[in-house]
Amino acid sequence: MTTPRVFIIRHGETEWSLNGRHTGTTDIPLTENGEKRIRATGRALIGDDRLIIRIPRKRAQRTLELLALGCREKLPWEEQRSHPDADIRTEANVEITEDIREWDYGDYEGITSPEIRELRKKQGIGGPEGKWDIWKDGCPGGESPEDVTERLDRLIRLIREKYHAPNIGKHHKDAPPGDVLLVAHGHILRAFAMRWAGKSLQDGPTFLLEAGGVGTLSYEHKSLLEPAILLGGGFMVDVVENAEHDEEKNKK
């Protein structure tokens, strides 16, 4: 019986993610190490039953390219498919949505958390220490937690109604594609996980997602009414099955 999942992937490492600068609308390329780590992740994420959703920032676009999933159709920003038929490994489709774009940091774009606290101290905001919590305070000139919640809830509804509801609880042979893969950014993916589990952003997540990291969201008891964060599971079984399938294909 199927239980559909959402795999969340943070884009690979950038110079700004390395030094803690908040990167919302600014397009920053991946570092060499960031590209290397994403290539290593790609094999585990191949599957015929996955829809892939990403946002139009270059670092997320490059991350998806480096995953080398081998989609049959060209990527939305390509004039033609970049790999030959022999490298096709999945029927997954790629869609673009602004609803999973990074938090708009507004006045805090491009600066670090200590710099933000210093700025707030000078402005007389956040007490004598200039305290700042993005999950409660949001970003002046950018987005509030309520703004982010609204667009994430819209995307979650879409995923559940369009892709998960027709799939959940059915036998694998009868189930339409249900897994979804999101390629996006650090703060917004943590916020997505919070809203997926029905938690308020103001509660603040106590978990991290490293650059290039992968997380999994799903459901308890095969019920859309019981969304959950999957801390551990049989994800690696997919990797083994895909490797065995590739070996069988190569023998023929």
C-alpha atoms as a PDB file:
ATOM      1  CA  MET A   1       0.000   0.000   0.000  1.00  0.00           C
ATOM      2  CA  THR A   2       1.373   3.407  -0.956  1.00  0.00           C
ATOM      3  CA  THR A   3       2.231   6.325   1.301  1.00  0.00           C
ATOM      4  CA  PRO A   4       3.364   9.249  -0.876  1.00  0.00           C
ATOM      5  CA  ARG A   5       6.276  11.413   0.221  1.00  0.00           C
ATOM      6  CA  VAL A   6       7.730  14.864  -0.294  1.00  0.00           C
ATOM      7  CA  PHE A   7      11.523  14.972  -0.561  1.00  0.00           C
ATOM      8  CA  ILE A   8      12.931  18.412   0.222  1.00  0.00           C
ATOM      9  CA  ILE A   9      16.385  19.324  -1.088  1.00  0.00           C
ATOM     10  CA  ARG A  10      18.220  22.470  -0.151  1.00  0.00           C
ATOM     11  CA  HIS A  11      20.316  23.893  -2.962  1.00  0.00           C
ATOM     12  CA  GLY A  12      24.061  23.247  -2.839  1.00  0.00           C
ATOM     13  CA  GLU A  13      26.559  25.313  -0.916  1.00  0.00           C
ATOM     14  CA  THR A  14      27.229  28.933  -1.992  1.00  0.00           C
ATOM     15  CA  GLU A  15      29.749  31.491  -0.750  1.00  0.00           C
ATOM     16  CA  TRP A  16      26.934  33.303   1.058  1.00  0.00           C
ATOM     17  CA  SER A  17      25.580  30.150   2.728  1.00  0.00           C
ATOM     18  CA  LEU A  18      29.136  29.424   3.917  1.00  0.00           C
ATOM     19  CA  ASN A  19      29.501  32.762   5.680  1.00  0.00           C
ATOM     20  CA  GLY A  20      25.910  33.011   6.916  1.00  0.00           C
ATOM     21  CA  ARG A  21      24.671  35.830   4.690  1.00  0.00           C
ATOM     22  CA  HIS A  22      20.917  35.775   4.115  1.00  0.00           C
ATOM     23  CA  THR A  23      20.224  35.019   0.463  1.00  0.00           C
ATOM     24  CA  GLY A  24      16.674  35.542  -0.719  1.00  0.00           C
ATOM     25  CA  THR A  25      16.352  37.254  -4.087  1.00  0.00           C
ATOM     26  CA  THR A  26      20.075  37.534  -4.874  1.00  0.00           C
ATOM     27  CA  ASP A  27      21.280  34.926  -7.381  1.00  0.00           C
ATOM     28  CA  ILE A  28      24.500  33.316  -6.131  1.00  0.00           C
ATOM     29  CA  PRO A  29      26.326  30.434  -7.904  1.00  0.00           C
ATOM     30  CA  LEU A  30      27.183  27.193  -6.138  1.00  0.00           C
ATOM     31  CA  THR A  31      30.724  26.587  -4.923  1.00  0.00           C
ATOM     32  CA  GLU A  32      32.787  23.751  -6.397  1.00  0.00           C
ATOM     33  CA  ASN A  33      32.215  21.722  -3.223  1.00  0.00           C
ATOM     34  CA  GLY A  34      28.496  22.487  -3.399  1.00  0.00           C
ATOM     35  CA  GLU A  35      28.301  21.078  -6.920  1.00  0.00           C
ATOM     36  CA  LYS A  36      30.251  17.968  -5.918  1.00  0.00           C
ATOM     37  CA  ARG A  37      27.912  17.144  -3.010  1.00  0.00           C
ATOM     38  CA  ILE A  38      24.781  17.569  -5.120  1.00  0.00           C
ATOM     39  CA  ARG A  39      26.096  15.211  -7.812  1.00  0.00           C
ATOM     40  CA  ALA A  40      26.539  12.556  -5.109  1.00  0.00           C
ATOM     41  CA  THR A  41      22.924  13.025  -3.988  1.00  0.00           C
ATOM     42  CA  GLY A  42      21.350  12.604  -7.421  1.00  0.00           C
ATOM     43  CA  ARG A  43      21.403   8.822  -7.721  1.00  0.00           C
ATOM     44  CA  ALA A  44      19.272   8.333  -4.620  1.00  0.00           C
ATOM     45  CA  LEU A  45      16.503  10.552  -5.953  1.00  0.00           C
ATOM     46  CA  ILE A  46      15.767   8.922  -9.285  1.00  0.00           C
ATOM     47  CA  GLY A  47      12.270   7.522  -9.621  1.00  0.00           C
ATOM     48  CA  ASP A  48       9.654   7.127 -12.330  1.00  0.00           C
ATOM     49  CA  ASP A  49       6.897   8.216  -9.960  1.00  0.00           C
ATOM     50  CA  ARG A  50       8.145  11.631  -8.919  1.00  0.00           C
ATOM     51  CA  LEU A  51       7.050  15.106  -9.793  1.00  0.00           C
ATOM     52  CA  ILE A  52       9.840  17.635  -9.297  1.00  0.00           C
ATOM     53  CA  ILE A  53       9.032  21.194  -8.268  1.00  0.00           C
ATOM     54  CA  ARG A  54      11.655  23.918  -8.079  1.00  0.00           C
ATOM     55  CA  ILE A  55      11.907  27.699  -8.041  1.00  0.00           C
ATOM     56  CA  PRO A  56      13.488  29.967 -10.678  1.00  0.00           C
ATOM     57  CA  ARG A  57      16.617  30.986  -8.737  1.00  0.00           C
ATOM     58  CA  LYS A  58      19.852  29.974 -10.482  1.00  0.00           C
ATOM     59  CA  ARG A  59      21.282  28.131  -7.463  1.00  0.00           C
ATOM     60  CA  ALA A  60      18.175  25.911  -7.267  1.00  0.00           C
ATOM     61  CA  GLN A  61      18.219  25.462 -11.057  1.00  0.00           C
ATOM     62  CA  ARG A  62      21.883  24.448 -11.017  1.00  0.00           C
ATOM     63  CA  THR A  63      21.210  22.076  -8.107  1.00  0.00           C
ATOM     64  CA  LEU A  64      18.520  20.309 -10.110  1.00  0.00           C
ATOM     65  CA  GLU A  65      20.829  20.030 -13.127  1.00  0.00           C
ATOM     66  CA  LEU A  66      23.585  18.500 -10.993  1.00  0.00           C
ATOM     67  CA  LEU A  67      21.219  15.881  -9.600  1.00  0.00           C
ATOM     68  CA  ALA A  68      21.316  14.422 -13.142  1.00  0.00           C
ATOM     69  CA  LEU A  69      17.950  12.723 -12.726  1.00  0.00           C
ATOM     70  CA  GLY A  70      17.677  11.887 -16.425  1.00  0.00           C
ATOM     71  CA  CYS A  71      14.180  13.248 -17.118  1.00  0.00           C
ATOM     72  CA  ARG A  72      12.606  12.321 -20.443  1.00  0.00           C
ATOM     73  CA  GLU A  73      11.415  15.881 -21.076  1.00  0.00           C
ATOM     74  CA  LYS A  74      13.752  18.870 -21.257  1.00  0.00           C
ATOM     75  CA  LEU A  75      14.000  21.075 -18.207  1.00  0.00           C
ATOM     76  CA  PRO A  76      11.774  24.192 -18.414  1.00  0.00           C
ATOM     77  CA  TRP A  77      14.701  26.600 -18.925  1.00  0.00           C
ATOM     78  CA  GLU A  78      16.442  24.458 -21.586  1.00  0.00           C
ATOM     79  CA  GLU A  79      15.974  24.973 -25.308  1.00  0.00           C
ATOM     80  CA  GLN A  80      16.522  21.248 -25.782  1.00  0.00           C
ATOM     81  CA  ARG A  81      17.225  18.288 -23.523  1.00  0.00           C
ATOM     82  CA  SER A  82      20.881  18.195 -22.452  1.00  0.00           C
ATOM     83  CA  HIS A  83      21.247  14.388 -22.298  1.00  0.00           C
ATOM     84  CA  PRO A  84      20.715  11.630 -24.912  1.00  0.00           C
ATOM     85  CA  ASP A  85      17.942   9.008 -24.834  1.00  0.00           C
ATOM     86  CA  ALA A  86      20.372   6.494 -23.346  1.00  0.00           C
ATOM     87  CA  ASP A  87      20.567   8.610 -20.170  1.00  0.00           C
ATOM     88  CA  ILE A  88      16.810   8.811 -19.595  1.00  0.00           C
ATOM     89  CA  ARG A  89      16.096   7.276 -16.200  1.00  0.00           C
ATOM     90  CA  THR A  90      12.780   8.765 -15.110  1.00  0.00           C
ATOM     91  CA  GLU A  91       9.417   9.911 -16.416  1.00  0.00           C
ATOM     92  CA  ALA A  92       9.218  12.556 -13.670  1.00  0.00           C
ATOM     93  CA  ASN A  93       8.036  16.009 -14.706  1.00  0.00           C
ATOM     94  CA  VAL A  94       9.576  19.313 -13.618  1.00  0.00           C
ATOM     95  CA  GLU A  95       7.382  22.275 -12.690  1.00  0.00           C
ATOM     96  CA  ILE A  96       8.250  25.765 -11.454  1.00  0.00           C
ATOM     97  CA  THR A  97       6.442  27.615  -8.676  1.00  0.00           C
ATOM     98  CA  GLU A  98       7.146  30.862  -6.847  1.00  0.00           C
ATOM     99  CA  ASP A  99       5.353  29.507  -3.777  1.00  0.00           C
ATOM    100  CA  ILE A 100       8.556  27.732  -2.652  1.00  0.00           C
ATOM    101  CA  ARG A 101      10.917  30.659  -3.313  1.00  0.00           C
ATOM    102  CA  GLU A 102      13.188  31.640  -0.428  1.00  0.00           C
ATOM    103  CA  TRP A 103      11.947  33.941   2.320  1.00  0.00           C
ATOM    104  CA  ASP A 104      12.154  37.561   1.106  1.00  0.00           C
ATOM    105  CA  TYR A 105      14.649  39.065   3.551  1.00  0.00           C
ATOM    106  CA  GLY A 106      13.942  42.645   2.457  1.00  0.00           C
ATOM    107  CA  ASP A 107      16.239  45.026   4.358  1.00  0.00           C
ATOM    108  CA  TYR A 108      18.238  42.037   5.681  1.00  0.00           C
ATOM    109  CA  GLU A 109      19.217  40.653   2.284  1.00  0.00           C
ATOM    110  CA  GLY A 110      22.925  39.877   2.045  1.00  0.00           C
ATOM    111  CA  ILE A 111      23.826  40.410   5.711  1.00  0.00           C
ATOM    112  CA  THR A 112      24.432  37.983   8.578  1.00  0.00           C
ATOM    113  CA  SER A 113      22.406  37.466  11.756  1.00  0.00           C
ATOM    114  CA  PRO A 114      25.001  39.285  13.965  1.00  0.00           C
ATOM    115  CA  GLU A 115      24.899  42.227  11.526  1.00  0.00           C
ATOM    116  CA  ILE A 116      21.099  42.227  11.694  1.00  0.00           C
ATOM    117  CA  ARG A 117      21.180  42.360  15.487  1.00  0.00           C
ATOM    118  CA  GLU A 118      23.638  45.280  15.389  1.00  0.00           C
ATOM    119  CA  LEU A 119      21.366  47.105  12.942  1.00  0.00           C
ATOM    120  CA  ARG A 120      18.326  46.533  15.155  1.00  0.00           C
ATOM    121  CA  LYS A 121      20.218  47.818  18.220  1.00  0.00           C
ATOM    122  CA  LYS A 122      20.971  51.065  16.370  1.00  0.00           C
ATOM    123  CA  GLN A 123      17.320  51.304  15.333  1.00  0.00           C
ATOM    124  CA  GLY A 124      16.117  50.723  18.892  1.00  0.00           C
ATOM    125  CA  ILE A 125      14.391  47.462  17.927  1.00  0.00           C
ATOM    126  CA  GLY A 126      14.586  44.159  19.788  1.00  0.00           C
ATOM    127  CA  GLY A 127      15.738  45.494  23.126  1.00  0.00           C
ATOM    128  CA  PRO A 128      19.322  46.280  24.171  1.00  0.00           C
ATOM    129  CA  GLU A 129      20.635  43.193  22.330  1.00  0.00           C
ATOM    130  CA  GLY A 130      18.716  43.885  19.118  1.00  0.00           C
ATOM    131  CA  LYS A 131      17.125  40.447  19.316  1.00  0.00           C
ATOM    132  CA  TRP A 132      15.758  39.063  16.052  1.00  0.00           C
ATOM    133  CA  ASP A 133      13.845  35.870  15.345  1.00  0.00           C
ATOM    134  CA  ILE A 134      12.795  35.513  11.723  1.00  0.00           C
ATOM    135  CA  TRP A 135      10.066  33.046  12.714  1.00  0.00           C
ATOM    136  CA  LYS A 136       8.366  35.676  14.875  1.00  0.00           C
ATOM    137  CA  ASP A 137       9.620  39.025  13.549  1.00  0.00           C
ATOM    138  CA  GLY A 138       9.889  38.432   9.822  1.00  0.00           C
ATOM    139  CA  CYS A 139      11.897  40.888   7.735  1.00  0.00           C
ATOM    140  CA  PRO A 140      11.179  44.627   7.318  1.00  0.00           C
ATOM    141  CA  GLY A 141      10.838  45.443   3.650  1.00  0.00           C
ATOM    142  CA  GLY A 142      10.390  41.718   2.984  1.00  0.00           C
ATOM    143  CA  GLU A 143       8.046  38.999   4.186  1.00  0.00           C
ATOM    144  CA  SER A 144       6.355  38.340   7.500  1.00  0.00           C
ATOM    145  CA  PRO A 145       5.715  34.823   8.879  1.00  0.00           C
ATOM    146  CA  GLU A 146       2.089  35.287   7.841  1.00  0.00           C
ATOM    147  CA  ASP A 147       3.102  36.068   4.240  1.00  0.00           C
ATOM    148  CA  VAL A 148       5.249  32.924   4.063  1.00  0.00           C
ATOM    149  CA  THR A 149       2.577  30.764   5.705  1.00  0.00           C
ATOM    150  CA  GLU A 150      -0.017  31.827   3.135  1.00  0.00           C
ATOM    151  CA  ARG A 151       1.998  30.754   0.108  1.00  0.00           C
ATOM    152  CA  LEU A 152       3.328  27.560   1.661  1.00  0.00           C
ATOM    153  CA  ASP A 153      -0.141  26.463   2.711  1.00  0.00           C
ATOM    154  CA  ARG A 154      -1.276  27.028  -0.883  1.00  0.00           C
ATOM    155  CA  LEU A 155       1.484  24.741  -2.188  1.00  0.00           C
ATOM    156  CA  ILE A 156       0.786  22.076   0.441  1.00  0.00           C
ATOM    157  CA  ARG A 157      -2.897  22.040  -0.526  1.00  0.00           C
ATOM    158  CA  LEU A 158      -1.927  21.603  -4.171  1.00  0.00           C
ATOM    159  CA  ILE A 159       0.407  18.687  -3.432  1.00  0.00           C
ATOM    160  CA  ARG A 160      -2.114  16.891  -1.227  1.00  0.00           C
ATOM    161  CA  GLU A 161      -5.140  17.390  -3.455  1.00  0.00           C
ATOM    162  CA  LYS A 162      -3.536  16.885  -6.868  1.00  0.00           C
ATOM    163  CA  TYR A 163      -0.803  14.308  -6.200  1.00  0.00           C
ATOM    164  CA  HIS A 164      -1.192  12.627  -2.821  1.00  0.00           C
ATOM    165  CA  ALA A 165      -4.961  12.138  -2.472  1.00  0.00           C
ATOM    166  CA  PRO A 166      -5.223   9.980  -5.648  1.00  0.00           C
ATOM    167  CA  ASN A 167      -2.202   7.904  -4.538  1.00  0.00           C
ATOM    168  CA  ILE A 168      -2.359   7.268  -0.814  1.00  0.00           C
ATOM    169  CA  GLY A 169      -3.412   3.862   0.471  1.00  0.00           C
ATOM    170  CA  LYS A 170      -3.560   2.192  -2.955  1.00  0.00           C
ATOM    171  CA  HIS A 171      -1.663  -0.842  -4.189  1.00  0.00           C
ATOM    172  CA  HIS A 172       1.523   0.179  -5.987  1.00  0.00           C
ATOM    173  CA  LYS A 173       0.312  -1.218  -9.306  1.00  0.00           C
ATOM    174  CA  ASP A 174      -2.894   0.861  -9.121  1.00  0.00           C
ATOM    175  CA  ALA A 175      -1.416   4.077  -7.737  1.00  0.00           C
ATOM    176  CA  PRO A 176      -0.649   7.071  -9.971  1.00  0.00           C
ATOM    177  CA  PRO A 177       2.638   8.967  -9.422  1.00  0.00           C
ATOM    178  CA  GLY A 178       2.605  10.463  -5.941  1.00  0.00           C
ATOM    179  CA  ASP A 179       6.078  11.376  -4.680  1.00  0.00           C
ATOM    180  CA  VAL A 180       7.114  15.022  -4.986  1.00  0.00           C
ATOM    181  CA  LEU A 181      10.636  16.451  -4.856  1.00  0.00           C
ATOM    182  CA  LEU A 182      11.143  20.108  -3.910  1.00  0.00           C
ATOM    183  CA  VAL A 183      14.425  21.859  -4.709  1.00  0.00           C
ATOM    184  CA  ALA A 184      14.596  25.142  -2.836  1.00  0.00           C
ATOM    185  CA  HIS A 185      16.291  27.022   0.022  1.00  0.00           C
ATOM    186  CA  GLY A 186      17.117  26.731   3.707  1.00  0.00           C
ATOM    187  CA  HIS A 187      14.623  28.912   5.557  1.00  0.00           C
ATOM    188  CA  ILE A 188      11.708  28.223   3.243  1.00  0.00           C
ATOM    189  CA  LEU A 189      12.142  24.439   3.331  1.00  0.00           C
ATOM    190  CA  ARG A 190      12.288  24.464   7.131  1.00  0.00           C
ATOM    191  CA  ALA A 191       9.139  26.593   7.104  1.00  0.00           C
ATOM    192  CA  PHE A 192       7.549  24.158   4.637  1.00  0.00           C
ATOM    193  CA  ALA A 193       8.263  21.247   6.995  1.00  0.00           C
ATOM    194  CA  MET A 194       6.700  23.153   9.890  1.00  0.00           C
ATOM    195  CA  ARG A 195       3.525  23.918   7.966  1.00  0.00           C
ATOM    196  CA  TRP A 196       3.421  20.361   6.572  1.00  0.00           C
ATOM    197  CA  ALA A 197       3.188  19.100  10.152  1.00  0.00           C
ATOM    198  CA  GLY A 198       0.575  21.724  11.039  1.00  0.00           C
ATOM    199  CA  LYS A 199       2.886  23.818  13.218  1.00  0.00           C
ATOM    200  CA  SER A 200       2.936  27.601  13.423  1.00  0.00           C
ATOM    201  CA  LEU A 201       6.064  29.303  12.104  1.00  0.00           C
ATOM    202  CA  GLN A 202       6.095  31.357  15.281  1.00  0.00           C
ATOM    203  CA  ASP A 203       6.901  28.140  17.166  1.00  0.00           C
ATOM    204  CA  GLY A 204      10.249  28.151  15.364  1.00  0.00           C
ATOM    205  CA  PRO A 205      11.759  24.905  14.036  1.00  0.00           C
ATOM    206  CA  THR A 206      14.436  23.235  16.135  1.00  0.00           C
ATOM    207  CA  PHE A 207      15.901  21.342  13.191  1.00  0.00           C
ATOM    208  CA  LEU A 208      18.394  22.252  10.473  1.00  0.00           C
ATOM    209  CA  LEU A 209      18.776  21.513   6.771  1.00  0.00           C
ATOM    210  CA  GLU A 210      22.350  21.793   5.518  1.00  0.00           C
ATOM    211  CA  ALA A 211      23.230  23.048   2.052  1.00  0.00           C
ATOM    212  CA  GLY A 212      22.706  20.100  -0.286  1.00  0.00           C
ATOM    213  CA  GLY A 213      20.789  18.228   2.420  1.00  0.00           C
ATOM    214  CA  VAL A 214      17.722  16.051   1.886  1.00  0.00           C
ATOM    215  CA  GLY A 215      14.662  15.678   4.131  1.00  0.00           C
ATOM    216  CA  THR A 216      11.508  13.548   3.846  1.00  0.00           C
ATOM    217  CA  LEU A 217       7.901  14.357   4.708  1.00  0.00           C
ATOM    218  CA  SER A 218       5.023  11.898   4.584  1.00  0.00           C
ATOM    219  CA  TYR A 219       2.006  10.664   6.596  1.00  0.00           C
ATOM    220  CA  GLU A 220       1.256   8.390   9.520  1.00  0.00           C
ATOM    221  CA  HIS A 221      -1.134   5.457   9.059  1.00  0.00           C
ATOM    222  CA  LYS A 222      -1.526   6.218   5.340  1.00  0.00           C
ATOM    223  CA  SER A 223      -3.822   9.126   6.202  1.00  0.00           C
ATOM    224  CA  LEU A 224      -3.802  12.620   4.667  1.00  0.00           C
ATOM    225  CA  LEU A 225      -5.130  13.809   8.026  1.00  0.00           C
ATOM    226  CA  GLU A 226      -1.887  12.749   9.762  1.00  0.00           C
ATOM    227  CA  PRO A 227       1.017  14.544   8.038  1.00  0.00           C
ATOM    228  CA  ALA A 228       4.405  13.857   9.594  1.00  0.00           C
ATOM    229  CA  ILE A 229       8.129  14.497   9.270  1.00  0.00           C
ATOM    230  CA  LEU A 230       9.920  11.228   8.458  1.00  0.00           C
ATOM    231  CA  LEU A 231      13.011  11.167  10.661  1.00  0.00           C
ATOM    232  CA  GLY A 232      14.185   7.802   9.353  1.00  0.00           C
ATOM    233  CA  GLY A 233      12.884   5.086   7.091  1.00  0.00           C
ATOM    234  CA  GLY A 234      13.515   2.785   4.187  1.00  0.00           C
ATOM    235  CA  PHE A 235      14.633   5.537   1.816  1.00  0.00           C
ATOM    236  CA  MET A 236      17.863   3.726   0.960  1.00  0.00           C
ATOM    237  CA  VAL A 237      15.838   0.783  -0.327  1.00  0.00           C
ATOM    238  CA  ASP A 238      15.075   2.964  -3.347  1.00  0.00           C
ATOM    239  CA  VAL A 239      18.788   3.401  -3.987  1.00  0.00           C
ATOM    240  CA  VAL A 240      19.431  -0.328  -3.870  1.00  0.00           C
ATOM    241  CA  GLU A 241      16.463  -1.128  -6.112  1.00  0.00           C
ATOM    242  CA  ASN A 242      17.511   1.510  -8.639  1.00  0.00           C
ATOM    243  CA  ALA A 243      21.087   0.166  -8.669  1.00  0.00           C
ATOM    244  CA  GLU A 244      19.852  -3.398  -9.215  1.00  0.00           C
ATOM    245  CA  HIS A 245      17.559  -2.210 -11.994  1.00  0.00           C
ATOM    246  CA  ASP A 246      20.448  -0.412 -13.718  1.00  0.00           C
ATOM    247  CA  GLU A 247      22.604  -3.525 -13.468  1.00  0.00           C
ATOM    248  CA  GLU A 248      19.902  -5.645 -15.067  1.00  0.00           C
ATOM    249  CA  LYS A 249      19.537  -3.136 -17.899  1.00  0.00           C
ATOM    250  CA  ASN A 250      23.285  -3.137 -18.524  1.00  0.00           C
ATOM    251  CA  LYS A 251      23.339  -6.941 -18.777  1.00  0.00           C
ATOM    252  CA  LYS A 252      20.782  -6.935 -21.583  1.00  0.00           C
END
